[in-house]
């Protein structure tokens, strides 16, 4: 199953040149993961409260082109 979320890059996520800071990509992935679970009817908050966690143990990103302030981003 695939899931998509779309949003615009916010000003605070960018540097003085308007380019998204590389550390924000992990936050975007986490936003997509939480919304994917929500679409499946799973509450991550409820899972954690019941003692279940889904830790990220590895993350590899290949940056292909930069994102800029106010870009429309879709994470699949």
PDB file of N, CA and C in Angstrom:
ATOM      1  N   UNK A   1       0.834  -1.183   0.000  1.00  0.00           N
ATOM      2  CA  UNK A   1       0.000   0.000   0.000  1.00  0.00           C
ATOM      3  C   UNK A   1       0.881   1.249   0.000  1.00  0.00           C
ATOM      4  N   UNK A   2       0.541   2.197  -0.835  1.00  0.00           N
ATOM      5  CA  UNK A   2       1.259   3.472  -0.831  1.00  0.00           C
ATOM      6  C   UNK A   2       0.335   4.553  -0.294  1.00  0.00           C
ATOM      7  N   UNK A   3       0.938   5.589   0.196  1.00  0.00           N
ATOM      8  CA  UNK A   3       0.189   6.719   0.745  1.00  0.00           C
ATOM      9  C   UNK A   3       0.957   7.984   0.402  1.00  0.00           C
ATOM     10  N   UNK A   4       0.256   9.067   0.185  1.00  0.00           N
ATOM     11  CA  UNK A   4       0.901  10.338  -0.132  1.00  0.00           C
ATOM     12  C   UNK A   4       0.413  11.438   0.784  1.00  0.00           C
ATOM     13  N   UNK A   5       1.336  12.334   1.139  1.00  0.00           N
ATOM     14  CA  UNK A   5       0.945  13.581   1.781  1.00  0.00           C
ATOM     15  C   UNK A   5       1.571  14.715   0.972  1.00  0.00           C
ATOM     16  N   UNK A   6       0.884  15.821   0.914  1.00  0.00           N
ATOM     17  CA  UNK A   6       1.386  16.987   0.194  1.00  0.00           C
ATOM     18  C   UNK A   6       1.315  18.198   1.109  1.00  0.00           C
ATOM     19  N   UNK A   7       2.302  19.064   0.992  1.00  0.00           N
ATOM     20  CA  UNK A   7       2.344  20.294   1.772  1.00  0.00           C
ATOM     21  C   UNK A   7       3.336  21.242   1.140  1.00  0.00           C
ATOM     22  N   UNK A   8       3.322  22.479   1.577  1.00  0.00           N
ATOM     23  CA  UNK A   8       4.263  23.486   1.088  1.00  0.00           C
ATOM     24  C   UNK A   8       5.405  23.641   2.072  1.00  0.00           C
ATOM     25  N   UNK A   9       6.590  23.851   1.523  1.00  0.00           N
ATOM     26  CA  UNK A   9       7.763  24.095   2.353  1.00  0.00           C
ATOM     27  C   UNK A   9       7.581  25.419   3.073  1.00  0.00           C
ATOM     28  N   UNK A  10       7.784  25.401   4.384  1.00  0.00           N
ATOM     29  CA  UNK A  10       7.624  26.603   5.197  1.00  0.00           C
ATOM     30  C   UNK A  10       8.937  27.382   5.278  1.00  0.00           C
ATOM     31  N   UNK A  11       8.806  28.664   5.469  1.00  0.00           N
ATOM     32  CA  UNK A  11       9.968  29.558   5.499  1.00  0.00           C
ATOM     33  C   UNK A  11      11.001  29.132   6.538  1.00  0.00           C
ATOM     34  N   UNK A  12      10.544  28.734   7.717  1.00  0.00           N
ATOM     35  CA  UNK A  12      11.440  28.361   8.802  1.00  0.00           C
ATOM     36  C   UNK A  12      12.242  27.093   8.548  1.00  0.00           C
ATOM     37  N   UNK A  13      11.909  26.358   7.506  1.00  0.00           N
ATOM     38  CA  UNK A  13      12.629  25.125   7.162  1.00  0.00           C
ATOM     39  C   UNK A  13      13.773  25.376   6.184  1.00  0.00           C
ATOM     40  N   UNK A  14      13.973  26.642   5.848  1.00  0.00           N
ATOM     41  CA  UNK A  14      14.964  26.982   4.832  1.00  0.00           C
ATOM     42  C   UNK A  14      16.091  27.831   5.410  1.00  0.00           C
ATOM     43  N   UNK A  15      17.171  27.905   4.632  1.00  0.00           N
ATOM     44  CA  UNK A  15      18.288  28.770   5.013  1.00  0.00           C
ATOM     45  C   UNK A  15      18.088  30.151   4.374  1.00  0.00           C
ATOM     46  N   UNK A  16      19.099  31.007   4.446  1.00  0.00           N
ATOM     47  CA  UNK A  16      18.966  32.368   3.922  1.00  0.00           C
ATOM     48  C   UNK A  16      18.811  32.416   2.412  1.00  0.00           C
ATOM     49  N   UNK A  17      19.154  31.330   1.727  1.00  0.00           N
ATOM     50  CA  UNK A  17      18.988  31.284   0.272  1.00  0.00           C
ATOM     51  C   UNK A  17      17.657  30.655  -0.121  1.00  0.00           C
ATOM     52  N   UNK A  18      16.833  30.309   0.895  1.00  0.00           N
ATOM     53  CA  UNK A  18      15.523  29.732   0.614  1.00  0.00           C
ATOM     54  C   UNK A  18      15.560  28.241   0.356  1.00  0.00           C
ATOM     55  N   UNK A  19      16.697  27.587   0.595  1.00  0.00           N
ATOM     56  CA  UNK A  19      16.859  26.153   0.348  1.00  0.00           C
ATOM     57  C   UNK A  19      16.535  25.393   1.632  1.00  0.00           C
ATOM     58  N   UNK A  20      15.785  24.295   1.515  1.00  0.00           N
ATOM     59  CA  UNK A  20      15.438  23.481   2.683  1.00  0.00           C
ATOM     60  C   UNK A  20      16.704  22.882   3.292  1.00  0.00           C
ATOM     61  N   UNK A  21      16.835  23.022   4.610  1.00  0.00           N
ATOM     62  CA  UNK A  21      17.967  22.432   5.328  1.00  0.00           C
ATOM     63  C   UNK A  21      17.842  20.914   5.271  1.00  0.00           C
ATOM     64  N   UNK A  22      18.960  20.230   5.058  1.00  0.00           N
ATOM     65  CA  UNK A  22      18.939  18.776   4.849  1.00  0.00           C
ATOM     66  C   UNK A  22      18.312  18.008   6.012  1.00  0.00           C
ATOM     67  N   UNK A  23      18.413  18.519   7.222  1.00  0.00           N
ATOM     68  CA  UNK A  23      17.846  17.828   8.375  1.00  0.00           C
ATOM     69  C   UNK A  23      16.335  17.765   8.382  1.00  0.00           C
ATOM     70  N   UNK A  24      15.685  18.631   7.630  1.00  0.00           N
ATOM     71  CA  UNK A  24      14.222  18.639   7.597  1.00  0.00           C
ATOM     72  C   UNK A  24      13.628  17.479   6.813  1.00  0.00           C
ATOM     73  N   UNK A  25      14.404  16.853   5.949  1.00  0.00           N
ATOM     74  CA  UNK A  25      13.861  15.745   5.165  1.00  0.00           C
ATOM     75  C   UNK A  25      13.415  14.597   6.061  1.00  0.00           C
ATOM     76  N   UNK A  26      14.159  14.318   7.123  1.00  0.00           N
ATOM     77  CA  UNK A  26      13.753  13.258   8.058  1.00  0.00           C
ATOM     78  C   UNK A  26      12.410  13.607   8.707  1.00  0.00           C
ATOM     79  N   UNK A  27      12.184  14.886   8.992  1.00  0.00           N
ATOM     80  CA  UNK A  27      10.891  15.304   9.544  1.00  0.00           C
ATOM     81  C   UNK A  27       9.767  15.090   8.537  1.00  0.00           C
ATOM     82  N   UNK A  28      10.044  15.363   7.272  1.00  0.00           N
ATOM     83  CA  UNK A  28       9.035  15.140   6.234  1.00  0.00           C
ATOM     84  C   UNK A  28       8.690  13.656   6.135  1.00  0.00           C
ATOM     85  N   UNK A  29       9.707  12.799   6.206  1.00  0.00           N
ATOM     86  CA  UNK A  29       9.463  11.354   6.152  1.00  0.00           C
ATOM     87  C   UNK A  29       8.624  10.907   7.351  1.00  0.00           C
ATOM     88  N   UNK A  30       8.916  11.467   8.512  1.00  0.00           N
ATOM     89  CA  UNK A  30       8.161  11.116   9.718  1.00  0.00           C
ATOM     90  C   UNK A  30       6.715  11.581   9.608  1.00  0.00           C
ATOM     91  N   UNK A  31       6.493  12.759   9.056  1.00  0.00           N
ATOM     92  CA  UNK A  31       5.124  13.229   8.837  1.00  0.00           C
ATOM     93  C   UNK A  31       4.363  12.250   7.947  1.00  0.00           C
ATOM     94  N   UNK A  32       5.016  11.779   6.891  1.00  0.00           N
ATOM     95  CA  UNK A  32       4.381  10.838   5.967  1.00  0.00           C
ATOM     96  C   UNK A  32       4.090   9.511   6.655  1.00  0.00           C
ATOM     97  N   UNK A  33       5.013   9.048   7.494  1.00  0.00           N
ATOM     98  CA  UNK A  33       4.820   7.767   8.179  1.00  0.00           C
ATOM     99  C   UNK A  33       3.621   7.831   9.128  1.00  0.00           C
ATOM    100  N   UNK A  34       3.506   8.922   9.879  1.00  0.00           N
ATOM    101  CA  UNK A  34       2.396   9.077  10.813  1.00  0.00           C
ATOM    102  C   UNK A  34       1.059   9.151  10.065  1.00  0.00           C
ATOM    103  N   UNK A  35       1.039   9.884   8.952  1.00  0.00           N
ATOM    104  CA  UNK A  35      -0.201   9.989   8.171  1.00  0.00           C
ATOM    105  C   UNK A  35      -0.556   8.680   7.490  1.00  0.00           C
ATOM    106  N   UNK A  36       0.448   7.904   7.093  1.00  0.00           N
ATOM    107  CA  UNK A  36       0.217   6.569   6.520  1.00  0.00           C
ATOM    108  C   UNK A  36      -0.464   5.676   7.547  1.00  0.00           C
ATOM    109  N   UNK A  37       0.060   5.673   8.775  1.00  0.00           N
ATOM    110  CA  UNK A  37      -0.559   4.883   9.833  1.00  0.00           C
ATOM    111  C   UNK A  37      -1.982   5.354  10.101  1.00  0.00           C
ATOM    112  N   UNK A  38      -2.176   6.666  10.140  1.00  0.00           N
ATOM    113  CA  UNK A  38      -3.513   7.222  10.371  1.00  0.00           C
ATOM    114  C   UNK A  38      -4.481   6.773   9.282  1.00  0.00           C
ATOM    115  N   UNK A  39      -4.030   6.746   8.026  1.00  0.00           N
ATOM    116  CA  UNK A  39      -4.872   6.299   6.912  1.00  0.00           C
ATOM    117  C   UNK A  39      -5.245   4.826   7.056  1.00  0.00           C
ATOM    118  N   UNK A  40      -4.393   4.058   7.733  1.00  0.00           N
ATOM    119  CA  UNK A  40      -4.681   2.643   7.999  1.00  0.00           C
ATOM    120  C   UNK A  40      -5.575   2.461   9.222  1.00  0.00           C
ATOM    121  N   UNK A  41      -5.903   3.567   9.884  1.00  0.00           N
ATOM    122  CA  UNK A  41      -6.732   3.493  11.072  1.00  0.00           C
ATOM    123  C   UNK A  41      -5.944   3.229  12.341  1.00  0.00           C
ATOM    124  N   UNK A  42      -4.631   3.440  12.275  1.00  0.00           N
ATOM    125  CA  UNK A  42      -3.753   3.185  13.410  1.00  0.00           C
ATOM    126  C   UNK A  42      -3.306   4.510  14.007  1.00  0.00           C
ATOM    127  N   UNK A  43      -3.476   4.651  15.302  1.00  0.00           N
ATOM    128  CA  UNK A  43      -3.002   5.836  15.999  1.00  0.00           C
ATOM    129  C   UNK A  43      -1.633   5.544  16.584  1.00  0.00           C
ATOM    130  N   UNK A  44      -0.619   6.276  16.149  1.00  0.00           N
ATOM    131  CA  UNK A  44       0.722   6.062  16.687  1.00  0.00           C
ATOM    132  C   UNK A  44       0.749   6.377  18.176  1.00  0.00           C
ATOM    133  N   UNK A  45       0.005   7.387  18.561  1.00  0.00           N
ATOM    134  CA  UNK A  45      -0.067   7.744  19.983  1.00  0.00           C
ATOM    135  C   UNK A  45      -0.633   6.587  20.799  1.00  0.00           C
ATOM    136  N   UNK A  46      -1.712   5.983  20.318  1.00  0.00           N
ATOM    137  CA  UNK A  46      -2.310   4.846  21.025  1.00  0.00           C
ATOM    138  C   UNK A  46      -1.361   3.654  21.047  1.00  0.00           C
ATOM    139  N   UNK A  47      -0.630   3.446  19.943  1.00  0.00           N
ATOM    140  CA  UNK A  47       0.346   2.346  19.911  1.00  0.00           C
ATOM    141  C   UNK A  47       1.395   2.542  20.993  1.00  0.00           C
ATOM    142  N   UNK A  48       1.953   3.748  21.082  1.00  0.00           N
ATOM    143  CA  UNK A  48       2.973   4.024  22.091  1.00  0.00           C
ATOM    144  C   UNK A  48       2.423   3.868  23.503  1.00  0.00           C
ATOM    145  N   UNK A  49       1.196   4.321  23.708  1.00  0.00           N
ATOM    146  CA  UNK A  49       0.592   4.192  25.032  1.00  0.00           C
ATOM    147  C   UNK A  49       0.388   2.737  25.429  1.00  0.00           C
ATOM    148  N   UNK A  50       0.247   1.850  24.425  1.00  0.00           N
ATOM    149  CA  UNK A  50       0.095   0.421  24.714  1.00  0.00           C
ATOM    150  C   UNK A  50       1.443  -0.304  24.743  1.00  0.00           C
ATOM    151  N   UNK A  51       2.542   0.453  24.610  1.00  0.00           N
ATOM    152  CA  UNK A  51       3.871  -0.141  24.724  1.00  0.00           C
ATOM    153  C   UNK A  51       4.511  -0.543  23.413  1.00  0.00           C
ATOM    154  N   UNK A  52       3.892  -0.200  22.299  1.00  0.00           N
ATOM    155  CA  UNK A  52       4.442  -0.544  20.986  1.00  0.00           C
ATOM    156  C   UNK A  52       5.080   0.701  20.380  1.00  0.00           C
ATOM    157  N   UNK A  53       6.296   0.561  19.875  1.00  0.00           N
ATOM    158  CA  UNK A  53       6.997   1.669  19.231  1.00  0.00           C
ATOM    159  C   UNK A  53       7.569   1.207  17.901  1.00  0.00           C
ATOM    160  N   UNK A  54       7.712   2.125  17.003  1.00  0.00           N
ATOM    161  CA  UNK A  54       8.298   1.841  15.684  1.00  0.00           C
ATOM    162  C   UNK A  54       9.521   2.730  15.498  1.00  0.00           C
ATOM    163  N   UNK A  55      10.632   2.406  16.160  1.00  0.00           N
ATOM    164  CA  UNK A  55      11.807   3.271  16.036  1.00  0.00           C
ATOM    165  C   UNK A  55      12.431   3.194  14.646  1.00  0.00           C
ATOM    166  N   UNK A  56      12.935   4.317  14.201  1.00  0.00           N
ATOM    167  CA  UNK A  56      13.711   4.350  12.960  1.00  0.00           C
ATOM    168  C   UNK A  56      15.137   3.956  13.334  1.00  0.00           C
ATOM    169  N   UNK A  57      15.623   2.871  12.750  1.00  0.00           N
ATOM    170  CA  UNK A  57      16.962   2.397  13.096  1.00  0.00           C
ATOM    171  C   UNK A  57      17.983   2.677  12.002  1.00  0.00           C
ATOM    172  N   UNK A  58      17.501   3.097  10.831  1.00  0.00           N
ATOM    173  CA  UNK A  58      18.413   3.421   9.739  1.00  0.00           C
ATOM    174  C   UNK A  58      17.694   4.374   8.788  1.00  0.00           C
ATOM    175  N   UNK A  59      18.421   5.363   8.296  1.00  0.00           N
ATOM    176  CA  UNK A  59      17.846   6.301   7.344  1.00  0.00           C
ATOM    177  C   UNK A  59      18.929   6.705   6.354  1.00  0.00           C
ATOM    178  N   UNK A  60      18.674   6.471   5.092  1.00  0.00           N
ATOM    179  CA  UNK A  60      19.597   6.858   4.034  1.00  0.00           C
ATOM    180  C   UNK A  60      18.840   7.755   3.061  1.00  0.00           C
ATOM    181  N   UNK A  61      19.424   8.880   2.739  1.00  0.00           N
ATOM    182  CA  UNK A  61      18.792   9.821   1.820  1.00  0.00           C
ATOM    183  C   UNK A  61      19.767  10.150   0.706  1.00  0.00           C
ATOM    184  N   UNK A  62      19.294  10.055  -0.515  1.00  0.00           N
ATOM    185  CA  UNK A  62      20.062  10.505  -1.674  1.00  0.00           C
ATOM    186  C   UNK A  62      19.402  11.794  -2.164  1.00  0.00           C
ATOM    187  N   UNK A  63      20.071  12.908  -1.946  1.00  0.00           N
ATOM    188  CA  UNK A  63      19.518  14.203  -2.335  1.00  0.00           C
ATOM    189  C   UNK A  63      19.734  14.396  -3.835  1.00  0.00           C
ATOM    190  N   UNK A  64      18.660  14.579  -4.566  1.00  0.00           N
ATOM    191  CA  UNK A  64      18.745  14.686  -6.021  1.00  0.00           C
ATOM    192  C   UNK A  64      18.637  16.126  -6.509  1.00  0.00           C
ATOM    193  N   UNK A  65      17.771  16.898  -5.885  1.00  0.00           N
ATOM    194  CA  UNK A  65      17.672  18.321  -6.204  1.00  0.00           C
ATOM    195  C   UNK A  65      17.075  19.032  -5.000  1.00  0.00           C
ATOM    196  N   UNK A  66      17.414  20.280  -4.824  1.00  0.00           N
ATOM    197  CA  UNK A  66      16.969  20.976  -3.614  1.00  0.00           C
ATOM    198  C   UNK A  66      15.496  21.356  -3.650  1.00  0.00           C
ATOM    199  N   UNK A  67      14.941  21.480  -2.462  1.00  0.00           N
ATOM    200  CA  UNK A  67      13.620  22.067  -2.286  1.00  0.00           C
ATOM    201  C   UNK A  67      13.815  23.496  -1.812  1.00  0.00           C
ATOM    202  N   UNK A  68      12.881  24.351  -2.179  1.00  0.00           N
ATOM    203  CA  UNK A  68      12.952  25.750  -1.819  1.00  0.00           C
ATOM    204  C   UNK A  68      11.688  26.190  -1.096  1.00  0.00           C
ATOM    205  N   UNK A  69      11.812  27.328  -0.414  1.00  0.00           N
ATOM    206  CA  UNK A  69      10.666  27.907   0.262  1.00  0.00           C
ATOM    207  C   UNK A  69       9.462  27.991  -0.669  1.00  0.00           C
ATOM    208  N   UNK A  70       8.310  27.562  -0.168  1.00  0.00           N
ATOM    209  CA  UNK A  70       7.009  27.607  -0.835  1.00  0.00           C
ATOM    210  C   UNK A  70       6.850  26.554  -1.937  1.00  0.00           C
ATOM    211  N   UNK A  71       7.851  25.670  -2.120  1.00  0.00           N
ATOM    212  CA  UNK A  71       7.653  24.542  -3.049  1.00  0.00           C
ATOM    213  C   UNK A  71       6.544  23.652  -2.527  1.00  0.00           C
ATOM    214  N   UNK A  72       5.782  23.082  -3.442  1.00  0.00           N
ATOM    215  CA  UNK A  72       4.774  22.088  -3.095  1.00  0.00           C
ATOM    216  C   UNK A  72       5.452  20.732  -3.115  1.00  0.00           C
ATOM    217  N   UNK A  73       5.411  20.022  -1.991  1.00  0.00           N
ATOM    218  CA  UNK A  73       6.114  18.748  -1.832  1.00  0.00           C
ATOM    219  C   UNK A  73       5.111  17.635  -1.628  1.00  0.00           C
ATOM    220  N   UNK A  74       5.320  16.517  -2.312  1.00  0.00           N
ATOM    221  CA  UNK A  74       4.537  15.307  -2.087  1.00  0.00           C
ATOM    222  C   UNK A  74       5.491  14.203  -1.667  1.00  0.00           C
ATOM    223  N   UNK A  75       5.198  13.596  -0.517  1.00  0.00           N
ATOM    224  CA  UNK A  75       5.985  12.460  -0.031  1.00  0.00           C
ATOM    225  C   UNK A  75       5.125  11.218  -0.198  1.00  0.00           C
ATOM    226  N   UNK A  76       5.665  10.207  -0.880  1.00  0.00           N
ATOM    227  CA  UNK A  76       4.942   8.949  -1.123  1.00  0.00           C
ATOM    228  C   UNK A  76       5.568   7.848  -0.308  1.00  0.00           C
TER     229      UNK A  76
END
